[in-house]
Amino acid sequence: MEVILKEDVPQLGHRGDVVRVAEGYGRNYLLPRKLAVQATSANKAVIEQMKQSAIRRSAVEKADSEGLAKQLESVSLSFQRKTGEKDHLFGSVTSADIAEALEQKGFNIDRRKIQLQEPLKSLGEFDVPVRLHRDVTSRVKVKIERENAEEA
Protein backbone atom coordinates (compact mmCIF):
# COMPACT_ATOMS: atom_id res chain seq x y z
CA MET A 1 0.00 0.00 0.00
CA GLU A 2 1.32 3.44 -0.91
CA VAL A 3 0.60 6.35 1.41
CA ILE A 4 1.55 10.00 1.59
CA LEU A 5 2.77 11.06 5.03
CA LYS A 6 1.03 14.09 6.55
CA GLU A 7 3.39 14.20 9.55
CA ASP A 8 6.93 13.03 10.31
CA VAL A 9 6.82 9.38 11.35
CA PRO A 10 9.98 8.06 13.05
CA GLN A 11 11.81 5.37 11.07
CA LEU A 12 9.39 5.73 8.16
CA GLY A 13 9.71 9.16 6.57
CA HIS A 14 9.06 12.87 6.72
CA ARG A 15 6.00 14.95 5.97
CA GLY A 16 5.12 14.79 2.27
CA ASP A 17 7.01 11.58 1.48
CA VAL A 18 5.31 8.86 -0.56
CA VAL A 19 6.15 5.57 1.12
CA ARG A 20 5.20 1.93 0.66
CA VAL A 21 3.92 0.27 3.85
CA ALA A 22 2.21 -2.98 4.78
CA GLU A 23 -1.56 -2.99 4.29
CA GLY A 24 -2.33 -3.48 7.98
CA TYR A 25 0.11 -0.80 9.17
CA GLY A 26 -1.36 1.75 6.79
CA ARG A 27 -5.00 0.84 7.33
CA ASN A 28 -4.89 0.27 11.10
CA TYR A 29 -2.29 2.78 12.28
CA LEU A 30 -1.36 5.54 9.83
CA LEU A 31 -4.76 6.33 8.29
CA PRO A 32 -6.90 6.36 11.49
CA ARG A 33 -4.37 8.59 13.29
CA LYS A 34 -4.35 10.98 10.30
CA LEU A 35 -0.59 10.53 9.92
CA ALA A 36 -1.00 9.65 6.26
CA VAL A 37 -3.45 9.62 3.36
CA GLN A 38 -3.76 7.01 0.62
CA ALA A 39 -1.60 7.82 -2.41
CA THR A 40 -4.10 8.57 -5.17
CA SER A 41 -3.57 10.93 -8.10
CA ALA A 42 -5.80 13.58 -6.47
CA ASN A 43 -3.98 13.31 -3.17
CA LYS A 44 -0.62 13.57 -4.93
CA ALA A 45 -1.67 16.94 -6.35
CA VAL A 46 -2.78 18.13 -2.92
CA ILE A 47 0.45 16.90 -1.36
CA GLU A 48 2.50 19.24 -3.54
CA GLN A 49 0.72 22.18 -1.91
CA MET A 50 1.27 20.61 1.50
CA LYS A 51 4.99 20.25 0.76
CA GLN A 52 5.31 23.93 -0.08
CA SER A 53 3.56 25.02 3.10
CA ALA A 54 5.57 22.46 5.09
CA ILE A 55 8.82 23.90 3.74
CA ARG A 56 7.78 27.40 4.79
CA ARG A 57 6.62 26.17 8.21
CA SER A 58 9.80 24.17 8.72
CA ALA A 59 11.95 27.21 7.90
CA VAL A 60 10.12 29.26 10.53
CA GLU A 61 10.37 26.46 13.11
CA LYS A 62 14.07 26.04 12.38
CA ALA A 63 14.73 29.76 12.82
CA ASP A 64 12.86 29.74 16.15
CA SER A 65 14.76 26.62 17.24
CA GLU A 66 18.12 28.18 16.39
CA GLY A 67 17.30 31.22 18.53
CA LEU A 68 16.25 28.99 21.41
CA ALA A 69 19.40 26.87 20.97
CA LYS A 70 21.61 29.93 21.45
CA GLN A 71 19.77 30.75 24.66
CA LEU A 72 20.06 27.16 25.93
CA GLU A 73 23.83 27.02 25.34
CA SER A 74 24.36 29.37 28.31
CA VAL A 75 21.97 27.51 30.65
CA SER A 76 23.46 25.43 33.44
CA LEU A 77 21.28 23.26 35.66
CA SER A 78 22.27 22.02 39.10
CA PHE A 79 20.72 19.07 40.92
CA GLN A 80 21.40 17.93 44.47
CA ARG A 81 20.85 14.27 45.23
CA LYS A 82 21.61 11.87 48.07
CA THR A 83 24.60 9.64 47.43
CA GLY A 84 25.80 6.31 48.71
CA GLU A 85 29.21 4.72 48.66
CA LYS A 86 31.54 5.63 45.79
CA ASP A 87 29.41 8.71 45.00
CA HIS A 88 26.65 6.62 43.42
CA LEU A 89 23.24 8.33 43.48
CA PHE A 90 20.33 6.75 45.35
CA GLY A 91 17.97 8.07 42.69
CA SER A 92 18.78 9.44 39.27
CA VAL A 93 18.34 12.56 37.16
CA THR A 94 15.96 11.87 34.28
CA SER A 95 14.87 13.83 31.23
CA ALA A 96 11.67 14.75 33.11
CA ASP A 97 13.78 16.30 35.91
CA ILE A 98 15.78 18.28 33.37
CA ALA A 99 12.61 19.45 31.57
CA GLU A 100 11.10 20.57 34.89
CA ALA A 101 14.27 22.51 35.82
CA LEU A 102 14.29 24.16 32.37
CA GLU A 103 10.65 25.12 32.81
CA GLN A 104 11.50 26.82 36.11
CA LYS A 105 14.11 28.86 34.21
CA GLY A 106 11.51 29.91 31.64
CA PHE A 107 12.12 27.37 28.84
CA ASN A 108 9.11 25.25 27.89
CA ILE A 109 10.75 22.15 26.39
CA ASP A 110 9.09 18.77 26.07
CA ARG A 111 10.95 16.02 27.94
CA ARG A 112 10.95 13.84 24.81
CA LYS A 113 13.21 16.37 23.10
CA ILE A 114 15.88 15.84 25.75
CA GLN A 115 18.15 13.18 24.26
CA LEU A 116 19.20 11.35 27.42
CA GLN A 117 20.12 7.75 26.58
CA GLU A 118 19.75 6.64 30.19
CA PRO A 119 19.18 8.48 33.49
CA LEU A 120 22.23 10.11 35.06
CA LYS A 121 23.26 8.11 38.12
CA SER A 122 26.58 9.61 39.20
CA LEU A 123 27.98 12.91 40.44
CA GLY A 124 29.64 15.30 38.01
CA GLU A 125 28.98 17.57 35.06
CA PHE A 126 27.27 16.35 31.92
CA ASP A 127 26.44 17.87 28.53
CA VAL A 128 22.91 16.78 27.70
CA PRO A 129 21.75 17.19 24.08
CA VAL A 130 18.34 18.75 23.46
CA ARG A 131 16.91 18.21 19.98
CA LEU A 132 14.79 21.27 19.25
CA HIS A 133 14.27 20.62 15.55
CA ARG A 134 15.22 17.95 13.04
CA ASP A 135 18.35 19.97 12.14
CA VAL A 136 18.93 21.88 15.41
CA THR A 137 20.42 20.29 18.53
CA SER A 138 21.56 22.27 21.54
CA ARG A 139 23.44 21.22 24.68
CA VAL A 140 22.56 21.97 28.29
CA LYS A 141 25.09 21.65 31.10
CA VAL A 142 23.81 19.52 33.99
CA LYS A 143 25.71 19.41 37.25
CA ILE A 144 24.88 16.79 39.87
CA GLU A 145 26.14 17.41 43.41
CA ARG A 146 25.82 15.79 46.82
CA GLU A 147 22.78 16.86 48.76
CA ASN A 148 24.80 17.76 51.87
CA ALA A 149 28.14 18.83 50.39
CA GLU A 150 29.32 20.48 53.65
CA GLU A 151 29.03 17.19 55.58
CA ALA A 152 31.14 15.14 53.15
C-alpha atoms as a PDB file:
ATOM      1  CA  MET A   1       0.000   0.000   0.000  1.00  0.00           C
ATOM      2  CA  GLU A   2       1.320   3.440  -0.907  1.00  0.00           C
ATOM      3  CA  VAL A   3       0.600   6.350   1.414  1.00  0.00           C
ATOM      4  CA  ILE A   4       1.552  10.003   1.593  1.00  0.00           C
ATOM      5  CA  LEU A   5       2.773  11.058   5.033  1.00  0.00           C
ATOM      6  CA  LYS A   6       1.032  14.091   6.547  1.00  0.00           C
ATOM      7  CA  GLU A   7       3.391  14.205   9.548  1.00  0.00           C
ATOM      8  CA  ASP A   8       6.926  13.031  10.309  1.00  0.00           C
ATOM      9  CA  VAL A   9       6.824   9.376  11.349  1.00  0.00           C
ATOM     10  CA  PRO A  10       9.983   8.057  13.052  1.00  0.00           C
ATOM     11  CA  GLN A  11      11.812   5.373  11.071  1.00  0.00           C
ATOM     12  CA  LEU A  12       9.392   5.728   8.155  1.00  0.00           C
ATOM     13  CA  GLY A  13       9.708   9.160   6.574  1.00  0.00           C
ATOM     14  CA  HIS A  14       9.063  12.869   6.718  1.00  0.00           C
ATOM     15  CA  ARG A  15       6.001  14.948   5.973  1.00  0.00           C
ATOM     16  CA  GLY A  16       5.124  14.786   2.269  1.00  0.00           C
ATOM     17  CA  ASP A  17       7.012  11.580   1.476  1.00  0.00           C
ATOM     18  CA  VAL A  18       5.308   8.861  -0.563  1.00  0.00           C
ATOM     19  CA  VAL A  19       6.154   5.566   1.124  1.00  0.00           C
ATOM     20  CA  ARG A  20       5.199   1.935   0.663  1.00  0.00           C
ATOM     21  CA  VAL A  21       3.923   0.266   3.849  1.00  0.00           C
ATOM     22  CA  ALA A  22       2.213  -2.983   4.775  1.00  0.00           C
ATOM     23  CA  GLU A  23      -1.560  -2.989   4.287  1.00  0.00           C
ATOM     24  CA  GLY A  24      -2.325  -3.476   7.985  1.00  0.00           C
ATOM     25  CA  TYR A  25       0.107  -0.804   9.174  1.00  0.00           C
ATOM     26  CA  GLY A  26      -1.357   1.748   6.791  1.00  0.00           C
ATOM     27  CA  ARG A  27      -5.005   0.836   7.325  1.00  0.00           C
ATOM     28  CA  ASN A  28      -4.895   0.266  11.103  1.00  0.00           C
ATOM     29  CA  TYR A  29      -2.294   2.779  12.285  1.00  0.00           C
ATOM     30  CA  LEU A  30      -1.363   5.541   9.828  1.00  0.00           C
ATOM     31  CA  LEU A  31      -4.757   6.330   8.292  1.00  0.00           C
ATOM     32  CA  PRO A  32      -6.900   6.357  11.492  1.00  0.00           C
ATOM     33  CA  ARG A  33      -4.371   8.593  13.289  1.00  0.00           C
ATOM     34  CA  LYS A  34      -4.347  10.979  10.299  1.00  0.00           C
ATOM     35  CA  LEU A  35      -0.589  10.531   9.919  1.00  0.00           C
ATOM     36  CA  ALA A  36      -1.004   9.651   6.257  1.00  0.00           C
ATOM     37  CA  VAL A  37      -3.449   9.615   3.356  1.00  0.00           C
ATOM     38  CA  GLN A  38      -3.756   7.009   0.625  1.00  0.00           C
ATOM     39  CA  ALA A  39      -1.604   7.818  -2.409  1.00  0.00           C
ATOM     40  CA  THR A  40      -4.105   8.571  -5.166  1.00  0.00           C
ATOM     41  CA  SER A  41      -3.567  10.933  -8.097  1.00  0.00           C
ATOM     42  CA  ALA A  42      -5.805  13.581  -6.473  1.00  0.00           C
ATOM     43  CA  ASN A  43      -3.975  13.308  -3.165  1.00  0.00           C
ATOM     44  CA  LYS A  44      -0.618  13.574  -4.933  1.00  0.00           C
ATOM     45  CA  ALA A  45      -1.675  16.940  -6.350  1.00  0.00           C
ATOM     46  CA  VAL A  46      -2.782  18.133  -2.916  1.00  0.00           C
ATOM     47  CA  ILE A  47       0.448  16.898  -1.364  1.00  0.00           C
ATOM     48  CA  GLU A  48       2.495  19.244  -3.543  1.00  0.00           C
ATOM     49  CA  GLN A  49       0.716  22.182  -1.905  1.00  0.00           C
ATOM     50  CA  MET A  50       1.271  20.605   1.501  1.00  0.00           C
ATOM     51  CA  LYS A  51       4.989  20.250   0.758  1.00  0.00           C
ATOM     52  CA  GLN A  52       5.306  23.929  -0.082  1.00  0.00           C
ATOM     53  CA  SER A  53       3.562  25.018   3.100  1.00  0.00           C
ATOM     54  CA  ALA A  54       5.571  22.459   5.090  1.00  0.00           C
ATOM     55  CA  ILE A  55       8.817  23.898   3.740  1.00  0.00           C
ATOM     56  CA  ARG A  56       7.777  27.400   4.788  1.00  0.00           C
ATOM     57  CA  ARG A  57       6.618  26.173   8.212  1.00  0.00           C
ATOM     58  CA  SER A  58       9.796  24.172   8.721  1.00  0.00           C
ATOM     59  CA  ALA A  59      11.950  27.213   7.903  1.00  0.00           C
ATOM     60  CA  VAL A  60      10.118  29.263  10.533  1.00  0.00           C
ATOM     61  CA  GLU A  61      10.369  26.457  13.112  1.00  0.00           C
ATOM     62  CA  LYS A  62      14.071  26.045  12.383  1.00  0.00           C
ATOM     63  CA  ALA A  63      14.731  29.762  12.822  1.00  0.00           C
ATOM     64  CA  ASP A  64      12.862  29.739  16.150  1.00  0.00           C
ATOM     65  CA  SER A  65      14.760  26.625  17.245  1.00  0.00           C
ATOM     66  CA  GLU A  66      18.120  28.181  16.387  1.00  0.00           C
ATOM     67  CA  GLY A  67      17.305  31.217  18.529  1.00  0.00           C
ATOM     68  CA  LEU A  68      16.253  28.988  21.412  1.00  0.00           C
ATOM     69  CA  ALA A  69      19.405  26.872  20.967  1.00  0.00           C
ATOM     70  CA  LYS A  70      21.609  29.931  21.448  1.00  0.00           C
ATOM     71  CA  GLN A  71      19.767  30.751  24.664  1.00  0.00           C
ATOM     72  CA  LEU A  72      20.061  27.158  25.930  1.00  0.00           C
ATOM     73  CA  GLU A  73      23.834  27.019  25.343  1.00  0.00           C
ATOM     74  CA  SER A  74      24.358  29.373  28.308  1.00  0.00           C
ATOM     75  CA  VAL A  75      21.972  27.505  30.646  1.00  0.00           C
ATOM     76  CA  SER A  76      23.461  25.432  33.442  1.00  0.00           C
ATOM     77  CA  LEU A  77      21.284  23.257  35.664  1.00  0.00           C
ATOM     78  CA  SER A  78      22.266  22.023  39.097  1.00  0.00           C
ATOM     79  CA  PHE A  79      20.716  19.071  40.922  1.00  0.00           C
ATOM     80  CA  GLN A  80      21.395  17.927  44.467  1.00  0.00           C
ATOM     81  CA  ARG A  81      20.853  14.266  45.228  1.00  0.00           C
ATOM     82  CA  LYS A  82      21.610  11.868  48.070  1.00  0.00           C
ATOM     83  CA  THR A  83      24.598   9.637  47.427  1.00  0.00           C
ATOM     84  CA  GLY A  84      25.801   6.311  48.709  1.00  0.00           C
ATOM     85  CA  GLU A  85      29.212   4.720  48.657  1.00  0.00           C
ATOM     86  CA  LYS A  86      31.544   5.626  45.792  1.00  0.00           C
ATOM     87  CA  ASP A  87      29.409   8.708  44.996  1.00  0.00           C
ATOM     88  CA  HIS A  88      26.649   6.619  43.418  1.00  0.00           C
ATOM     89  CA  LEU A  89      23.237   8.325  43.482  1.00  0.00           C
ATOM     90  CA  PHE A  90      20.332   6.752  45.346  1.00  0.00           C
ATOM     91  CA  GLY A  91      17.974   8.070  42.690  1.00  0.00           C
ATOM     92  CA  SER A  92      18.783   9.440  39.271  1.00  0.00           C
ATOM     93  CA  VAL A  93      18.340  12.555  37.158  1.00  0.00           C
ATOM     94  CA  THR A  94      15.957  11.873  34.277  1.00  0.00           C
ATOM     95  CA  SER A  95      14.866  13.832  31.228  1.00  0.00           C
ATOM     96  CA  ALA A  96      11.670  14.752  33.108  1.00  0.00           C
ATOM     97  CA  ASP A  97      13.779  16.303  35.914  1.00  0.00           C
ATOM     98  CA  ILE A  98      15.779  18.282  33.371  1.00  0.00           C
ATOM     99  CA  ALA A  99      12.612  19.455  31.572  1.00  0.00           C
ATOM    100  CA  GLU A 100      11.105  20.573  34.890  1.00  0.00           C
ATOM    101  CA  ALA A 101      14.269  22.511  35.817  1.00  0.00           C
ATOM    102  CA  LEU A 102      14.294  24.157  32.373  1.00  0.00           C
ATOM    103  CA  GLU A 103      10.648  25.120  32.809  1.00  0.00           C
ATOM    104  CA  GLN A 104      11.503  26.823  36.110  1.00  0.00           C
ATOM    105  CA  LYS A 105      14.107  28.862  34.212  1.00  0.00           C
ATOM    106  CA  GLY A 106      11.515  29.914  31.638  1.00  0.00           C
ATOM    107  CA  PHE A 107      12.116  27.369  28.838  1.00  0.00           C
ATOM    108  CA  ASN A 108       9.110  25.253  27.886  1.00  0.00           C
ATOM    109  CA  ILE A 109      10.746  22.153  26.386  1.00  0.00           C
ATOM    110  CA  ASP A 110       9.090  18.769  26.071  1.00  0.00           C
ATOM    111  CA  ARG A 111      10.952  16.021  27.942  1.00  0.00           C
ATOM    112  CA  ARG A 112      10.953  13.837  24.810  1.00  0.00           C
ATOM    113  CA  LYS A 113      13.211  16.369  23.103  1.00  0.00           C
ATOM    114  CA  ILE A 114      15.882  15.843  25.750  1.00  0.00           C
ATOM    115  CA  GLN A 115      18.154  13.180  24.261  1.00  0.00           C
ATOM    116  CA  LEU A 116      19.201  11.354  27.423  1.00  0.00           C
ATOM    117  CA  GLN A 117      20.120   7.749  26.584  1.00  0.00           C
ATOM    118  CA  GLU A 118      19.745   6.635  30.193  1.00  0.00           C
ATOM    119  CA  PRO A 119      19.176   8.481  33.486  1.00  0.00           C
ATOM    120  CA  LEU A 120      22.234  10.114  35.064  1.00  0.00           C
ATOM    121  CA  LYS A 121      23.261   8.106  38.122  1.00  0.00           C
ATOM    122  CA  SER A 122      26.582   9.605  39.204  1.00  0.00           C
ATOM    123  CA  LEU A 123      27.979  12.911  40.436  1.00  0.00           C
ATOM    124  CA  GLY A 124      29.640  15.299  38.010  1.00  0.00           C
ATOM    125  CA  GLU A 125      28.983  17.567  35.056  1.00  0.00           C
ATOM    126  CA  PHE A 126      27.270  16.350  31.922  1.00  0.00           C
ATOM    127  CA  ASP A 127      26.435  17.874  28.535  1.00  0.00           C
ATOM    128  CA  VAL A 128      22.906  16.781  27.704  1.00  0.00           C
ATOM    129  CA  PRO A 129      21.747  17.194  24.076  1.00  0.00           C
ATOM    130  CA  VAL A 130      18.336  18.753  23.460  1.00  0.00           C
ATOM    131  CA  ARG A 131      16.908  18.206  19.979  1.00  0.00           C
ATOM    132  CA  LEU A 132      14.794  21.272  19.253  1.00  0.00           C
ATOM    133  CA  HIS A 133      14.271  20.620  15.549  1.00  0.00           C
ATOM    134  CA  ARG A 134      15.224  17.945  13.041  1.00  0.00           C
ATOM    135  CA  ASP A 135      18.352  19.974  12.137  1.00  0.00           C
ATOM    136  CA  VAL A 136      18.933  21.877  15.413  1.00  0.00           C
ATOM    137  CA  THR A 137      20.423  20.295  18.532  1.00  0.00           C
ATOM    138  CA  SER A 138      21.564  22.265  21.544  1.00  0.00           C
ATOM    139  CA  ARG A 139      23.442  21.223  24.678  1.00  0.00           C
ATOM    140  CA  VAL A 140      22.562  21.971  28.290  1.00  0.00           C
ATOM    141  CA  LYS A 141      25.086  21.650  31.099  1.00  0.00           C
ATOM    142  CA  VAL A 142      23.814  19.519  33.987  1.00  0.00           C
ATOM    143  CA  LYS A 143      25.714  19.407  37.252  1.00  0.00           C
ATOM    144  CA  ILE A 144      24.876  16.788  39.873  1.00  0.00           C
ATOM    145  CA  GLU A 145      26.136  17.409  43.415  1.00  0.00           C
ATOM    146  CA  ARG A 146      25.823  15.787  46.818  1.00  0.00           C
ATOM    147  CA  GLU A 147      22.776  16.864  48.759  1.00  0.00           C
ATOM    148  CA  ASN A 148      24.803  17.758  51.866  1.00  0.00           C
ATOM    149  CA  ALA A 149      28.140  18.830  50.389  1.00  0.00           C
ATOM    150  CA  GLU A 150      29.321  20.480  53.654  1.00  0.00           C
ATOM    151  CA  GLU A 151      29.027  17.191  55.580  1.00  0.00           C
ATOM    152  CA  ALA A 152      31.141  15.144  53.146  1.00  0.00           C
END
